[in-house]
Amino acid sequence: MSFWPPPDLDPSSPEAAGRLAVLAYHRVGDRAAAAFDPWVFTSDQQQLEDQIQYFQKRHRIVGLEEALAIASGRERLRGTAILLTFDDGYLDNYSVALPVLTSRKAEAVFFLVSGFMIGEASPWWDRVAWLVRTARQRCFSLPTCEGPRTVDLRDRPPEEAISTVLDLYKQCPPDVAAQFVEGLESVDRDAGQPPPDRQLLGPDEAKLLCAAGMSVGAHTHSHPILARLAAERQSEEMGQCRTILEGVIGTPVDVLAYPVGGPGDFDQVTQQLARDCGYRAAFSCHGGVNLPGRSGLYDLKRIAVYWGANPEYLLD
């Protein structure tokens, strides 16, 4: 584990003021029983409880307002402050994660996809995973940005097959991505396998998150990779999400998490558009911690939590 500040650090230096670590969770539940994409599960209930308990003993878990005050340099601290965040708005965030948070008296931010919440859209990664899981044909051709690609999933476990196809899909621009899904849909598959029950939280659960003292942020309307869209479409995704969420929960929604959040998934244009849409801060997800007053408020770094993560190493 890395202790902060290091003993040889000049106490007068900016780094000695401490740091803000923002952790990005997704689904919380039984990964082995996943009907769609298993890779979106970042912990189960016990792992989440253990991690929060670990952080509370050694650091300080803060809420959104205090986190932004620290990031902007308006509040100074020594050591590590931790902000917990959850992306996408799965129902298990409400049914599993929220009880853990409330029992530990820990705040968190839930970044919701407005289209998922109101049923206008569904997670593309879950759609791809379902199509792979139910495909009887295990060797087929799919369109990619580099032309047709043969995908051979024979003798591969479902989790590995899903990961392979998702990696291909993520490389596709929007027009090719649509053709990619159409190609998957045309593959021979087992009939009579209905998708499982509702996976995503709705407006009622979103309001209950706020009533429990949690914060809600925006995660766009349909979860596209923003940097691949024209500026107008990026603004629509960010603006529509904010409008819908505020209409549901009745309070301002002025923080955003970029979908996927890697260095190539948003750019300077995206950051300016987020500001223009009225967001006061936006979060990425490519690792690293935030130093007070030295982190860009439209690229606040987050650390992705992975399944089975030892909390001792998450902050290294």
Protein backbone atom coordinates (compact mmCIF):
# COMPACT_ATOMS: atom_id res chain seq x y z
CA MET A 1 0.00 0.00 0.00
CA SER A 2 1.22 3.54 -0.69
CA PHE A 3 1.01 5.82 2.34
CA TRP A 4 0.29 9.50 1.84
CA PRO A 5 2.07 11.78 2.21
CA PRO A 6 5.41 9.95 2.03
CA PRO A 7 7.68 10.68 5.02
CA ASP A 8 10.28 12.44 2.88
CA LEU A 9 7.75 14.78 1.20
CA ASP A 10 8.20 18.50 1.86
CA PRO A 11 5.20 19.49 4.04
CA SER A 12 4.98 22.84 2.25
CA SER A 13 4.66 21.29 -1.22
CA PRO A 14 1.27 21.18 -2.98
CA GLU A 15 1.34 17.38 -2.99
CA ALA A 16 1.50 17.29 0.81
CA ALA A 17 -2.01 18.74 0.95
CA GLY A 18 -3.35 15.27 0.20
CA ARG A 19 -5.22 13.68 -2.65
CA LEU A 20 -8.68 12.73 -3.82
CA ALA A 21 -9.14 9.17 -5.06
CA VAL A 22 -12.37 8.54 -6.97
CA LEU A 23 -13.35 4.89 -7.33
CA ALA A 24 -15.58 3.74 -10.21
CA TYR A 25 -17.84 0.76 -9.56
CA HIS A 26 -20.40 -0.71 -11.95
CA ARG A 27 -22.55 -3.73 -11.17
CA VAL A 28 -22.67 -5.30 -7.71
CA GLY A 29 -23.78 -8.93 -7.49
CA ASP A 30 -23.10 -12.52 -8.48
CA ARG A 31 -20.82 -12.43 -11.49
CA ALA A 32 -21.04 -16.19 -12.03
CA ALA A 33 -24.79 -15.92 -12.54
CA ALA A 34 -24.58 -13.05 -15.05
CA ALA A 35 -27.11 -13.41 -17.87
CA PHE A 36 -25.50 -10.66 -19.95
CA ASP A 37 -22.00 -9.19 -19.70
CA PRO A 38 -20.10 -10.63 -16.70
CA TRP A 39 -17.27 -8.11 -17.07
CA VAL A 40 -19.44 -5.22 -15.91
CA PHE A 41 -19.64 -6.77 -12.42
CA THR A 42 -17.01 -5.04 -10.28
CA SER A 43 -17.84 -6.58 -6.90
CA ASP A 44 -20.38 -8.61 -5.01
CA GLN A 45 -22.04 -7.46 -1.81
CA GLN A 46 -19.38 -8.87 0.51
CA GLN A 47 -16.50 -7.43 -1.51
CA LEU A 48 -18.14 -4.00 -1.45
CA GLU A 49 -18.68 -4.18 2.30
CA ASP A 50 -15.07 -5.24 2.90
CA GLN A 51 -13.68 -2.50 0.66
CA ILE A 52 -15.74 0.27 2.27
CA GLN A 53 -14.79 -0.94 5.74
CA TYR A 54 -11.13 -0.97 4.74
CA PHE A 55 -11.26 2.58 3.35
CA GLN A 56 -13.13 3.95 6.35
CA LYS A 57 -10.50 2.59 8.73
CA ARG A 58 -7.56 4.06 6.84
CA HIS A 59 -8.84 7.05 4.87
CA ARG A 60 -11.95 9.23 4.70
CA ILE A 61 -14.92 8.62 2.42
CA VAL A 62 -16.46 11.92 1.33
CA GLY A 63 -19.56 12.97 -0.57
CA LEU A 64 -19.76 14.81 -3.89
CA GLU A 65 -19.68 18.36 -2.53
CA GLU A 66 -16.65 17.79 -0.36
CA ALA A 67 -14.90 15.91 -3.17
CA LEU A 68 -15.34 18.85 -5.55
CA ALA A 69 -14.16 21.27 -2.88
CA ILE A 70 -11.01 19.18 -2.45
CA ALA A 71 -10.41 18.80 -6.18
CA SER A 72 -10.76 22.55 -6.76
CA GLY A 73 -8.41 23.38 -3.91
CA ARG A 74 -11.11 25.09 -1.81
CA GLU A 75 -10.66 22.49 0.92
CA ARG A 76 -7.28 21.26 2.06
CA LEU A 77 -6.59 17.91 3.65
CA ARG A 78 -3.79 15.58 4.58
CA GLY A 79 -3.98 11.99 3.50
CA THR A 80 -6.46 10.49 1.09
CA ALA A 81 -10.12 11.35 0.65
CA ILE A 82 -12.18 8.81 -1.28
CA LEU A 83 -15.28 9.37 -3.39
CA LEU A 84 -17.28 6.29 -4.33
CA THR A 85 -19.10 6.30 -7.68
CA PHE A 86 -21.30 3.81 -9.53
CA ASP A 87 -21.89 3.92 -13.30
CA ASP A 88 -24.77 2.97 -15.62
CA GLY A 89 -27.69 2.65 -13.21
CA TYR A 90 -28.17 -1.07 -12.81
CA LEU A 91 -30.93 -2.14 -10.45
CA ASP A 92 -28.40 -3.86 -8.20
CA ASN A 93 -26.90 -0.43 -7.45
CA TYR A 94 -30.16 0.27 -5.64
CA SER A 95 -31.00 -3.19 -4.29
CA VAL A 96 -27.50 -4.33 -3.26
CA ALA A 97 -25.08 -1.39 -3.13
CA LEU A 98 -27.37 1.15 -1.47
CA PRO A 99 -28.07 -0.97 1.65
CA VAL A 100 -24.33 -1.50 2.08
CA LEU A 101 -23.65 2.23 1.77
CA THR A 102 -26.38 3.25 4.17
CA SER A 103 -25.35 0.64 6.74
CA ARG A 104 -21.79 2.00 6.63
CA LYS A 105 -22.99 5.64 6.56
CA ALA A 106 -21.03 6.20 3.34
CA GLU A 107 -22.06 8.57 0.55
CA ALA A 108 -21.70 7.82 -3.17
CA VAL A 109 -22.49 9.28 -6.57
CA PHE A 110 -24.59 7.28 -9.03
CA PHE A 111 -24.01 8.25 -12.67
CA LEU A 112 -27.20 7.31 -14.52
CA VAL A 113 -27.87 6.84 -18.23
CA SER A 114 -31.22 8.57 -18.75
CA GLY A 115 -32.21 6.40 -21.73
CA PHE A 116 -31.64 3.24 -19.68
CA MET A 117 -33.62 4.64 -16.77
CA ILE A 118 -36.71 5.49 -18.81
CA GLY A 119 -36.49 2.45 -21.07
CA GLU A 120 -35.61 4.20 -24.35
CA ALA A 121 -32.23 2.49 -24.64
CA SER A 122 -30.40 -0.51 -23.25
CA PRO A 123 -26.71 -1.23 -22.62
CA TRP A 124 -25.06 -2.12 -25.91
CA TRP A 125 -22.54 -4.33 -24.11
CA ASP A 126 -25.36 -6.38 -22.59
CA ARG A 127 -27.06 -6.65 -25.98
CA VAL A 128 -23.83 -7.91 -27.56
CA ALA A 129 -23.22 -10.31 -24.65
CA TRP A 130 -26.75 -11.75 -24.93
CA LEU A 131 -26.35 -12.31 -28.65
CA VAL A 132 -23.05 -14.10 -28.08
CA ARG A 133 -24.44 -16.23 -25.25
CA THR A 134 -27.43 -17.41 -27.30
CA ALA A 135 -25.56 -17.97 -30.58
CA ARG A 136 -25.61 -21.61 -31.66
CA GLN A 137 -23.28 -20.83 -34.55
CA ARG A 138 -19.81 -20.28 -33.04
CA CYS A 139 -17.83 -19.25 -36.11
CA PHE A 140 -19.07 -16.34 -38.20
CA SER A 141 -18.04 -13.12 -39.94
CA LEU A 142 -18.73 -9.64 -38.58
CA PRO A 143 -18.16 -6.19 -40.12
CA THR A 144 -15.43 -4.10 -38.48
CA CYS A 145 -13.76 -0.80 -39.29
CA GLU A 146 -11.08 -2.80 -41.14
CA GLY A 147 -13.56 -4.90 -43.12
CA PRO A 148 -15.18 -8.30 -42.48
CA ARG A 149 -13.60 -10.26 -39.63
CA THR A 150 -14.00 -13.96 -38.94
CA VAL A 151 -14.81 -14.62 -35.29
CA ASP A 152 -14.22 -18.15 -34.05
CA LEU A 153 -15.70 -18.79 -30.62
CA ARG A 154 -15.49 -22.56 -30.67
CA ASP A 155 -14.00 -24.15 -27.56
CA ARG A 156 -14.10 -20.84 -25.69
CA PRO A 157 -15.94 -20.31 -22.40
CA PRO A 158 -18.79 -17.79 -22.62
CA GLU A 159 -16.93 -15.10 -20.65
CA GLU A 160 -13.94 -15.22 -23.00
CA ALA A 161 -16.17 -15.25 -26.09
CA ILE A 162 -18.09 -12.21 -24.85
CA SER A 163 -14.87 -10.34 -24.11
CA THR A 164 -13.52 -11.07 -27.61
CA VAL A 165 -16.64 -9.80 -29.38
CA LEU A 166 -16.99 -6.74 -27.14
CA ASP A 167 -13.39 -5.75 -27.85
CA LEU A 168 -14.17 -5.83 -31.57
CA TYR A 169 -17.38 -3.84 -31.11
CA LYS A 170 -15.65 -1.07 -29.12
CA GLN A 171 -13.33 -0.40 -32.06
CA CYS A 172 -16.24 0.29 -34.44
CA PRO A 173 -17.43 3.80 -35.34
CA PRO A 174 -21.21 4.33 -34.91
CA ASP A 175 -22.21 3.33 -38.46
CA VAL A 176 -20.12 0.15 -38.42
CA ALA A 177 -21.28 -0.63 -34.85
CA ALA A 178 -24.88 -0.81 -36.06
CA GLN A 179 -23.87 -3.21 -38.84
CA PHE A 180 -21.86 -5.21 -36.31
CA VAL A 181 -24.94 -5.79 -34.13
CA GLU A 182 -27.04 -6.62 -37.19
CA GLY A 183 -24.45 -9.21 -38.15
CA LEU A 184 -24.62 -10.74 -34.68
CA GLU A 185 -28.41 -10.80 -34.80
CA SER A 186 -28.32 -12.78 -38.07
CA VAL A 187 -26.25 -15.58 -36.53
CA ASP A 188 -28.14 -18.83 -35.87
CA ARG A 189 -29.15 -18.99 -32.24
CA ASP A 190 -31.09 -21.08 -29.80
CA ALA A 191 -34.76 -20.17 -29.77
CA GLY A 192 -36.97 -19.75 -26.75
CA GLN A 193 -34.46 -18.08 -24.44
CA PRO A 194 -36.21 -15.01 -23.05
CA PRO A 195 -33.98 -12.30 -21.58
CA PRO A 196 -34.03 -12.10 -17.78
CA ASP A 197 -36.08 -9.69 -15.70
CA ARG A 198 -35.46 -5.95 -15.47
CA GLN A 199 -31.78 -5.18 -14.94
CA LEU A 200 -31.79 -1.37 -14.75
CA LEU A 201 -33.19 0.94 -12.13
CA GLY A 202 -36.11 3.24 -13.02
CA PRO A 203 -37.26 6.71 -11.99
CA ASP A 204 -38.63 5.50 -8.64
CA GLU A 205 -35.30 3.97 -7.61
CA ALA A 206 -33.43 7.08 -8.80
CA LYS A 207 -35.56 9.23 -6.49
CA LEU A 208 -34.99 6.81 -3.61
CA LEU A 209 -31.21 7.05 -4.09
CA CYS A 210 -31.47 10.79 -3.50
CA ALA A 211 -33.82 10.31 -0.56
CA ALA A 212 -31.17 8.07 1.02
CA GLY A 213 -28.61 10.88 0.85
CA MET A 214 -26.80 9.81 -2.31
CA SER A 215 -25.96 12.05 -5.27
CA VAL A 216 -27.01 11.52 -8.87
CA GLY A 217 -24.88 12.49 -11.84
CA ALA A 218 -25.29 12.21 -15.61
CA HIS A 219 -23.78 9.49 -17.79
CA THR A 220 -25.33 10.65 -21.12
CA HIS A 221 -28.63 9.52 -22.64
CA SER A 222 -27.55 6.35 -24.47
CA HIS A 223 -23.94 5.75 -23.34
CA PRO A 224 -22.09 6.41 -26.62
CA ILE A 225 -18.35 7.00 -26.83
CA LEU A 226 -18.58 10.78 -27.06
CA ALA A 227 -15.35 11.48 -28.94
CA ARG A 228 -16.71 9.48 -31.90
CA LEU A 229 -19.72 11.79 -32.24
CA ALA A 230 -20.05 15.20 -33.86
CA ALA A 231 -20.14 18.10 -31.41
CA GLU A 232 -23.88 18.60 -31.85
CA ARG A 233 -24.61 14.98 -31.00
CA GLN A 234 -22.33 15.11 -27.97
CA SER A 235 -24.24 18.12 -26.68
CA GLU A 236 -27.55 16.34 -27.26
CA GLU A 237 -26.40 13.29 -25.31
CA MET A 238 -25.16 15.36 -22.37
CA GLY A 239 -27.98 17.91 -22.37
CA GLN A 240 -30.84 15.44 -22.77
CA CYS A 241 -29.53 13.32 -19.94
CA ARG A 242 -29.35 16.28 -17.58
CA THR A 243 -32.85 17.47 -18.49
CA ILE A 244 -34.44 14.04 -17.96
CA LEU A 245 -32.64 13.31 -14.70
CA GLU A 246 -33.48 16.70 -13.21
CA GLY A 247 -37.11 16.21 -14.18
CA VAL A 248 -37.17 12.87 -12.38
CA ILE A 249 -35.33 13.62 -9.15
CA GLY A 250 -36.30 17.28 -8.87
CA THR A 251 -32.83 18.57 -7.99
CA PRO A 252 -29.92 19.90 -10.11
CA VAL A 253 -27.76 17.35 -11.91
CA ASP A 254 -24.54 19.15 -12.70
CA VAL A 255 -21.79 16.53 -12.71
CA LEU A 256 -21.07 14.12 -15.54
CA ALA A 257 -19.11 10.91 -16.08
CA TYR A 258 -17.89 10.29 -19.63
CA PRO A 259 -18.97 6.85 -20.94
CA VAL A 260 -16.04 4.41 -20.83
CA GLY A 261 -13.86 7.37 -19.86
CA GLY A 262 -10.52 6.38 -21.37
CA PRO A 263 -8.17 8.97 -22.91
CA GLY A 264 -9.58 8.32 -26.40
CA ASP A 265 -13.23 8.37 -25.36
CA PHE A 266 -13.48 12.14 -24.81
CA ASP A 267 -11.38 15.12 -25.82
CA GLN A 268 -11.00 18.88 -25.33
CA VAL A 269 -14.14 19.51 -27.38
CA THR A 270 -16.08 17.13 -25.16
CA GLN A 271 -14.84 18.90 -22.03
CA GLN A 272 -15.87 22.31 -23.35
CA LEU A 273 -19.26 20.99 -24.39
CA ALA A 274 -19.78 19.56 -20.91
CA ARG A 275 -19.09 23.01 -19.48
CA ASP A 276 -21.46 24.60 -22.02
CA CYS A 277 -24.19 22.13 -21.02
CA GLY A 278 -24.02 23.43 -17.46
CA TYR A 279 -21.95 20.75 -15.80
CA ARG A 280 -19.56 22.06 -13.16
CA ALA A 281 -17.34 18.97 -13.28
CA ALA A 282 -16.85 15.82 -15.32
CA PHE A 283 -15.16 12.54 -14.48
CA SER A 284 -13.01 10.30 -16.66
CA CYS A 285 -11.93 6.73 -15.85
CA HIS A 286 -8.33 6.13 -16.82
CA GLY A 287 -6.71 5.82 -13.44
CA GLY A 288 -4.82 8.16 -11.19
CA VAL A 289 -5.65 10.39 -8.23
CA ASN A 290 -6.51 14.09 -8.06
CA LEU A 291 -4.33 16.63 -6.29
CA PRO A 292 -6.17 19.60 -4.76
CA GLY A 293 -6.20 22.59 -7.08
CA ARG A 294 -4.11 20.80 -9.69
CA SER A 295 -6.68 18.55 -11.37
CA GLY A 296 -8.83 19.71 -14.26
CA LEU A 297 -12.46 19.80 -13.18
CA TYR A 298 -13.53 18.38 -16.56
CA ASP A 299 -11.10 15.47 -16.37
CA LEU A 300 -11.36 14.37 -12.75
CA LYS A 301 -9.61 11.02 -12.67
CA ARG A 302 -11.23 7.82 -11.47
CA ILE A 303 -9.81 4.43 -10.64
CA ALA A 304 -11.79 1.52 -12.09
CA VAL A 305 -12.60 -1.12 -9.49
CA TYR A 306 -12.15 -4.66 -10.78
CA TRP A 307 -13.65 -7.94 -9.60
CA GLY A 308 -11.87 -9.31 -6.56
CA ALA A 309 -9.81 -6.14 -6.09
CA ASN A 310 -7.73 -5.97 -2.95
CA PRO A 311 -8.43 -2.46 -1.61
CA GLU A 312 -4.83 -2.26 -0.42
CA TYR A 313 -3.71 -1.99 -4.05
CA LEU A 314 -6.49 0.08 -5.63
CA LEU A 315 -4.92 3.38 -4.61
CA ASP A 316 -1.32 2.54 -5.63
